PDB file of N, CA and C in Angstrom:
ATOM      1  N   MET A   1       0.842  -1.184   0.000  1.00  0.00           N
ATOM      2  CA  MET A   1       0.000   0.000   0.000  1.00  0.00           C
ATOM      3  C   MET A   1       0.881   1.238   0.000  1.00  0.00           C
ATOM      4  N   LYS A   2       0.422   2.248  -0.666  1.00  0.00           N
ATOM      5  CA  LYS A   2       1.111   3.538  -0.648  1.00  0.00           C
ATOM      6  C   LYS A   2       0.836   4.222   0.684  1.00  0.00           C
ATOM      7  N   LYS A   3       1.531   5.325   0.938  1.00  0.00           N
ATOM      8  CA  LYS A   3       1.462   5.984   2.248  1.00  0.00           C
ATOM      9  C   LYS A   3       0.052   6.389   2.657  1.00  0.00           C
ATOM     10  N   GLU A   4      -0.704   7.008   1.768  1.00  0.00           N
ATOM     11  CA  GLU A   4      -2.053   7.456   2.131  1.00  0.00           C
ATOM     12  C   GLU A   4      -2.961   6.269   2.474  1.00  0.00           C
ATOM     13  N   ALA A   5      -2.892   5.234   1.660  1.00  0.00           N
ATOM     14  CA  ALA A   5      -3.705   4.043   1.917  1.00  0.00           C
ATOM     15  C   ALA A   5      -3.257   3.360   3.214  1.00  0.00           C
ATOM     16  N   TRP A   6      -1.948   3.362   3.452  1.00  0.00           N
ATOM     17  CA  TRP A   6      -1.441   2.743   4.676  1.00  0.00           C
ATOM     18  C   TRP A   6      -1.924   3.498   5.908  1.00  0.00           C
ATOM     19  N   ALA A   7      -1.884   4.816   5.855  1.00  0.00           N
ATOM     20  CA  ALA A   7      -2.352   5.627   6.989  1.00  0.00           C
ATOM     21  C   ALA A   7      -3.826   5.335   7.264  1.00  0.00           C
ATOM     22  N   ARG A   8      -4.645   5.250   6.243  1.00  0.00           N
ATOM     23  CA  ARG A   8      -6.066   4.931   6.440  1.00  0.00           C
ATOM     24  C   ARG A   8      -6.225   3.530   7.035  1.00  0.00           C
ATOM     25  N   TYR A   9      -5.468   2.585   6.536  1.00  0.00           N
ATOM     26  CA  TYR A   9      -5.523   1.197   7.017  1.00  0.00           C
ATOM     27  C   TYR A   9      -5.159   1.142   8.498  1.00  0.00           C
ATOM     28  N   VAL A  10      -4.056   1.783   8.867  1.00  0.00           N
ATOM     29  CA  VAL A  10      -3.619   1.765  10.264  1.00  0.00           C
ATOM     30  C   VAL A  10      -4.635   2.462  11.152  1.00  0.00           C
ATOM     31  N   ASN A  11      -5.126   3.614  10.726  1.00  0.00           N
ATOM     32  CA  ASN A  11      -6.079   4.371  11.534  1.00  0.00           C
ATOM     33  C   ASN A  11      -7.368   3.590  11.776  1.00  0.00           C
ATOM     34  N   ARG A  12      -7.751   2.721  10.849  1.00  0.00           N
ATOM     35  CA  ARG A  12      -8.924   1.868  11.060  1.00  0.00           C
ATOM     36  C   ARG A  12      -8.676   0.835  12.157  1.00  0.00           C
ATOM     37  N   HIS A  13      -7.421   0.518  12.420  1.00  0.00           N
ATOM     38  CA  HIS A  13      -7.076  -0.471  13.441  1.00  0.00           C
ATOM     39  C   HIS A  13      -6.828   0.145  14.821  1.00  0.00           C
ATOM     40  N   ILE A  14      -6.914   1.453  14.924  1.00  0.00           N
ATOM     41  CA  ILE A  14      -6.720   2.121  16.212  1.00  0.00           C
ATOM     42  C   ILE A  14      -8.079   2.241  16.885  1.00  0.00           C
ATOM     43  N   THR A  15      -8.209   1.640  18.048  1.00  0.00           N
ATOM     44  CA  THR A  15      -9.485   1.715  18.758  1.00  0.00           C
ATOM     45  C   THR A  15      -9.648   3.093  19.384  1.00  0.00           C
ATOM     46  N   PRO A  16     -10.866   3.595  19.450  1.00  0.00           N
ATOM     47  CA  PRO A  16     -11.107   4.947  19.962  1.00  0.00           C
ATOM     48  C   PRO A  16     -10.590   5.172  21.386  1.00  0.00           C
ATOM     49  N   GLY A  17     -10.645   4.190  22.254  1.00  0.00           N
ATOM     50  CA  GLY A  17     -10.219   4.366  23.637  1.00  0.00           C
ATOM     51  C   GLY A  17      -8.720   4.226  23.866  1.00  0.00           C
ATOM     52  N   SER A  18      -7.943   4.005  22.821  1.00  0.00           N
ATOM     53  CA  SER A  18      -6.519   3.734  22.995  1.00  0.00           C
ATOM     54  C   SER A  18      -5.670   4.995  23.206  1.00  0.00           C
ATOM     55  N   ASN A  19      -6.183   6.139  22.868  1.00  0.00           N
ATOM     56  CA  ASN A  19      -5.450   7.400  22.952  1.00  0.00           C
ATOM     57  C   ASN A  19      -4.219   7.437  22.054  1.00  0.00           C
ATOM     58  N   LEU A  20      -4.137   6.542  21.090  1.00  0.00           N
ATOM     59  CA  LEU A  20      -3.027   6.599  20.140  1.00  0.00           C
ATOM     60  C   LEU A  20      -3.273   7.733  19.153  1.00  0.00           C
ATOM     61  N   PRO A  21      -2.214   8.432  18.766  1.00  0.00           N
ATOM     62  CA  PRO A  21      -2.396   9.471  17.749  1.00  0.00           C
ATOM     63  C   PRO A  21      -2.728   8.835  16.406  1.00  0.00           C
ATOM     64  N   ARG A  22      -3.402   9.567  15.570  1.00  0.00           N
ATOM     65  CA  ARG A  22      -3.715   9.093  14.227  1.00  0.00           C
ATOM     66  C   ARG A  22      -2.459   9.173  13.377  1.00  0.00           C
ATOM     67  N   LEU A  23      -2.282   8.186  12.529  1.00  0.00           N
ATOM     68  CA  LEU A  23      -1.127   8.142  11.641  1.00  0.00           C
ATOM     69  C   LEU A  23      -1.356   9.063  10.454  1.00  0.00           C
ATOM     70  N   SER A  24      -0.315   9.790  10.085  1.00  0.00           N
ATOM     71  CA  SER A  24      -0.393  10.673   8.926  1.00  0.00           C
ATOM     72  C   SER A  24       0.757  10.368   7.973  1.00  0.00           C
ATOM     73  N   ARG A  25       0.633  10.858   6.779  1.00  0.00           N
ATOM     74  CA  ARG A  25       1.693  10.700   5.772  1.00  0.00           C
ATOM     75  C   ARG A  25       2.989  11.339   6.256  1.00  0.00           C
ATOM     76  N   GLU A  26       2.877  12.476   6.944  1.00  0.00           N
ATOM     77  CA  GLU A  26       4.058  13.176   7.442  1.00  0.00           C
ATOM     78  C   GLU A  26       4.839  12.308   8.431  1.00  0.00           C
ATOM     79  N   GLU A  27       4.117  11.609   9.304  1.00  0.00           N
ATOM     80  CA  GLU A  27       4.792  10.712  10.250  1.00  0.00           C
ATOM     81  C   GLU A  27       5.500   9.587   9.514  1.00  0.00           C
ATOM     82  N   LEU A  28       4.850   9.019   8.521  1.00  0.00           N
ATOM     83  CA  LEU A  28       5.471   7.953   7.747  1.00  0.00           C
ATOM     84  C   LEU A  28       6.747   8.443   7.065  1.00  0.00           C
ATOM     85  N   GLU A  29       6.701   9.644   6.518  1.00  0.00           N
ATOM     86  CA  GLU A  29       7.880  10.202   5.856  1.00  0.00           C
ATOM     87  C   GLU A  29       9.001  10.461   6.866  1.00  0.00           C
ATOM     88  N   ARG A  30       8.641  10.950   8.043  1.00  0.00           N
ATOM     89  CA  ARG A  30       9.652  11.203   9.088  1.00  0.00           C
ATOM     90  C   ARG A  30      10.267   9.882   9.542  1.00  0.00           C
ATOM     91  N   TRP A  31       9.452   8.879   9.768  1.00  0.00           N
ATOM     92  CA  TRP A  31       9.967   7.570  10.185  1.00  0.00           C
ATOM     93  C   TRP A  31      10.871   6.966   9.117  1.00  0.00           C
ATOM     94  N   GLN A  32      10.530   7.202   7.858  1.00  0.00           N
ATOM     95  CA  GLN A  32      11.355   6.679   6.777  1.00  0.00           C
ATOM     96  C   GLN A  32      12.704   7.393   6.757  1.00  0.00           C
ATOM     97  N   ARG A  33      12.713   8.712   6.977  1.00  0.00           N
ATOM     98  CA  ARG A  33      13.979   9.465   7.036  1.00  0.00           C
ATOM     99  C   ARG A  33      14.879   8.950   8.151  1.00  0.00           C
ATOM    100  N   PHE A  34      14.294   8.557   9.275  1.00  0.00           N
ATOM    101  CA  PHE A  34      15.051   8.034  10.410  1.00  0.00           C
ATOM    102  C   PHE A  34      15.277   6.527  10.309  1.00  0.00           C
ATOM    103  N   SER A  35      14.859   5.918   9.205  1.00  0.00           N
ATOM    104  CA  SER A  35      14.987   4.475   8.959  1.00  0.00           C
ATOM    105  C   SER A  35      14.285   3.630  10.019  1.00  0.00           C
ATOM    106  N   LEU A  36      13.183   4.134  10.547  1.00  0.00           N
ATOM    107  CA  LEU A  36      12.410   3.392  11.532  1.00  0.00           C
ATOM    108  C   LEU A  36      11.376   2.473  10.889  1.00  0.00           C
ATOM    109  N   LEU A  37      10.840   2.910   9.769  1.00  0.00           N
ATOM    110  CA  LEU A  37       9.837   2.100   9.072  1.00  0.00           C
ATOM    111  C   LEU A  37      10.009   2.355   7.575  1.00  0.00           C
ATOM    112  N   VAL A  38      10.731   1.465   6.933  1.00  0.00           N
ATOM    113  CA  VAL A  38      11.010   1.598   5.507  1.00  0.00           C
ATOM    114  C   VAL A  38      10.507   0.344   4.811  1.00  0.00           C
ATOM    115  N   PRO A  39       9.434   0.473   4.037  1.00  0.00           N
ATOM    116  CA  PRO A  39       8.930  -0.715   3.337  1.00  0.00           C
ATOM    117  C   PRO A  39       9.932  -1.160   2.268  1.00  0.00           C
ATOM    118  N   PRO A  40      10.197  -2.458   2.173  1.00  0.00           N
ATOM    119  CA  PRO A  40      11.235  -2.943   1.257  1.00  0.00           C
ATOM    120  C   PRO A  40      10.966  -2.653  -0.215  1.00  0.00           C
ATOM    121  N   ASP A  41       9.725  -2.715  -0.627  1.00  0.00           N
ATOM    122  CA  ASP A  41       9.403  -2.478  -2.039  1.00  0.00           C
ATOM    123  C   ASP A  41       8.754  -1.120  -2.262  1.00  0.00           C
ATOM    124  N   GLY A  42       8.839  -0.244  -1.271  1.00  0.00           N
ATOM    125  CA  GLY A  42       8.229   1.070  -1.391  1.00  0.00           C
ATOM    126  C   GLY A  42       6.752   1.084  -1.037  1.00  0.00           C
ATOM    127  N   GLU A  43       6.216  -0.070  -0.694  1.00  0.00           N
ATOM    128  CA  GLU A  43       4.807  -0.150  -0.304  1.00  0.00           C
ATOM    129  C   GLU A  43       4.677  -0.930   0.996  1.00  0.00           C
ATOM    130  N   TYR A  44       3.745  -0.482   1.818  1.00  0.00           N
ATOM    131  CA  TYR A  44       3.504  -1.126   3.110  1.00  0.00           C
ATOM    132  C   TYR A  44       2.589  -2.329   2.921  1.00  0.00           C
ATOM    133  N   CYS A  45       2.750  -3.314   3.806  1.00  0.00           N
ATOM    134  CA  CYS A  45       1.901  -4.502   3.751  1.00  0.00           C
ATOM    135  C   CYS A  45       1.378  -4.792   5.155  1.00  0.00           C
ATOM    136  N   PRO A  46       0.360  -5.624   5.284  1.00  0.00           N
ATOM    137  CA  PRO A  46      -0.236  -5.887   6.601  1.00  0.00           C
ATOM    138  C   PRO A  46       0.757  -6.331   7.673  1.00  0.00           C
ATOM    139  N   THR A  47       1.861  -6.928   7.287  1.00  0.00           N
ATOM    140  CA  THR A  47       2.841  -7.346   8.295  1.00  0.00           C
ATOM    141  C   THR A  47       3.558  -6.151   8.934  1.00  0.00           C
ATOM    142  N   ASP A  48       3.428  -4.968   8.369  1.00  0.00           N
ATOM    143  CA  ASP A  48       4.018  -3.751   8.943  1.00  0.00           C
ATOM    144  C   ASP A  48       3.136  -3.131  10.022  1.00  0.00           C
ATOM    145  N   LEU A  49       1.937  -3.685  10.219  1.00  0.00           N
ATOM    146  CA  LEU A  49       0.986  -3.085  11.152  1.00  0.00           C
ATOM    147  C   LEU A  49       1.525  -3.059  12.586  1.00  0.00           C
ATOM    148  N   GLU A  50       2.064  -4.157  13.053  1.00  0.00           N
ATOM    149  CA  GLU A  50       2.554  -4.212  14.437  1.00  0.00           C
ATOM    150  C   GLU A  50       3.659  -3.193  14.683  1.00  0.00           C
ATOM    151  N   ARG A  51       4.590  -3.075  13.765  1.00  0.00           N
ATOM    152  CA  ARG A  51       5.677  -2.103  13.923  1.00  0.00           C
ATOM    153  C   ARG A  51       5.134  -0.677  13.900  1.00  0.00           C
ATOM    154  N   THR A  52       4.178  -0.418  13.034  1.00  0.00           N
ATOM    155  CA  THR A  52       3.591   0.918  12.946  1.00  0.00           C
ATOM    156  C   THR A  52       2.879   1.276  14.245  1.00  0.00           C
ATOM    157  N   LEU A  53       2.085   0.364  14.768  1.00  0.00           N
ATOM    158  CA  LEU A  53       1.390   0.626  16.031  1.00  0.00           C
ATOM    159  C   LEU A  53       2.384   0.796  17.179  1.00  0.00           C
ATOM    160  N   ALA A  54       3.456   0.014  17.175  1.00  0.00           N
ATOM    161  CA  ALA A  54       4.486   0.153  18.211  1.00  0.00           C
ATOM    162  C   ALA A  54       5.137   1.538  18.148  1.00  0.00           C
ATOM    163  N   LEU A  55       5.396   2.033  16.952  1.00  0.00           N
ATOM    164  CA  LEU A  55       5.979   3.366  16.811  1.00  0.00           C
ATOM    165  C   LEU A  55       5.015   4.444  17.306  1.00  0.00           C
ATOM    166  N   LEU A  56       3.735   4.275  17.027  1.00  0.00           N
ATOM    167  CA  LEU A  56       2.742   5.228  17.531  1.00  0.00           C
ATOM    168  C   LEU A  56       2.691   5.198  19.062  1.00  0.00           C
ATOM    169  N   MET A  57       2.779   3.995  19.651  1.00  0.00           N
ATOM    170  CA  MET A  57       2.789   3.883  21.114  1.00  0.00           C
ATOM    171  C   MET A  57       4.042   4.534  21.704  1.00  0.00           C
ATOM    172  N   LEU A  58       5.156   4.335  21.055  1.00  0.00           N
ATOM    173  CA  LEU A  58       6.407   4.932  21.518  1.00  0.00           C
ATOM    174  C   LEU A  58       6.321   6.452  21.477  1.00  0.00           C
ATOM    175  N   GLU A  59       5.800   6.983  20.392  1.00  0.00           N
ATOM    176  CA  GLU A  59       5.657   8.434  20.291  1.00  0.00           C
ATOM    177  C   GLU A  59       4.694   8.967  21.346  1.00  0.00           C
ATOM    178  N   ARG A  60       3.625   8.245  21.613  1.00  0.00           N
ATOM    179  CA  ARG A  60       2.683   8.663  22.654  1.00  0.00           C
ATOM    180  C   ARG A  60       3.383   8.717  24.008  1.00  0.00           C
ATOM    181  N   ALA A  61       4.210   7.718  24.301  1.00  0.00           N
ATOM    182  CA  ALA A  61       4.938   7.679  25.575  1.00  0.00           C
ATOM    183  C   ALA A  61       5.960   8.814  25.668  1.00  0.00           C
ATOM    184  N   ILE A  62       6.640   9.094  24.591  1.00  0.00           N
ATOM    185  CA  ILE A  62       7.625  10.177  24.583  1.00  0.00           C
ATOM    186  C   ILE A  62       6.937  11.515  24.824  1.00  0.00           C
ATOM    187  N   LEU A  63       5.836  11.751  24.128  1.00  0.00           N
ATOM    188  CA  LEU A  63       5.106  13.004  24.306  1.00  0.00           C
ATOM    189  C   LEU A  63       4.574  13.136  25.730  1.00  0.00           C
ATOM    190  N   ALA A  64       4.096  12.053  26.308  1.00  0.00           N
ATOM    191  CA  ALA A  64       3.604  12.080  27.681  1.00  0.00           C
ATOM    192  C   ALA A  64       4.737  12.419  28.647  1.00  0.00           C
ATOM    193  N   GLY A  65       5.922  11.851  28.394  1.00  0.00           N
ATOM    194  CA  GLY A  65       7.072  12.142  29.236  1.00  0.00           C
ATOM    195  C   GLY A  65       7.508  13.586  29.125  1.00  0.00           C
ATOM    196  N   GLN A  66       7.460  14.142  27.922  1.00  0.00           N
ATOM    197  CA  GLN A  66       7.820  15.550  27.728  1.00  0.00           C
ATOM    198  C   GLN A  66       6.835  16.471  28.429  1.00  0.00           C
ATOM    199  N   LYS A  67       5.567  16.129  28.359  1.00  0.00           N
ATOM    200  CA  LYS A  67       4.552  16.938  29.026  1.00  0.00           C
ATOM    201  C   LYS A  67       4.730  16.897  30.539  1.00  0.00           C
ATOM    202  N   ALA A  68       5.060  15.721  31.068  1.00  0.00           N
ATOM    203  CA  ALA A  68       5.255  15.571  32.513  1.00  0.00           C
ATOM    204  C   ALA A  68       6.454  16.376  32.988  1.00  0.00           C
ATOM    205  N   LYS A  69       7.507  16.431  32.198  1.00  0.00           N
ATOM    206  CA  LYS A  69       8.704  17.197  32.570  1.00  0.00           C
ATOM    207  C   LYS A  69       8.460  18.698  32.533  1.00  0.00           C
ATOM    208  N   SER A  70       7.577  19.131  31.659  1.00  0.00           N
ATOM    209  CA  SER A  70       7.339  20.567  31.509  1.00  0.00           C
ATOM    210  C   SER A  70       6.422  21.128  32.583  1.00  0.00           C
ATOM    211  N   ARG A  71       5.863  20.284  33.409  1.00  0.00           N
ATOM    212  CA  ARG A  71       4.945  20.760  34.463  1.00  0.00           C
ATOM    213  C   ARG A  71       5.676  21.278  35.641  1.00  0.00           C
TER     214      ARG A  71
END
């Protein structure tokens, strides 16, 4: 899947009560620049879902930690 389709696919798998941020194309591009999530053939596949959700959870934790430090 291309980036836009992948973002829609992932966002459909995020449950409303999870407080995970919604995935955007910009996040995918940033993760690719940092070599965190680079699809081998230039397209994402369902096996990338777990890694994508893990990255969203990690970002949520980092943001929560930054907010806690700024208080």
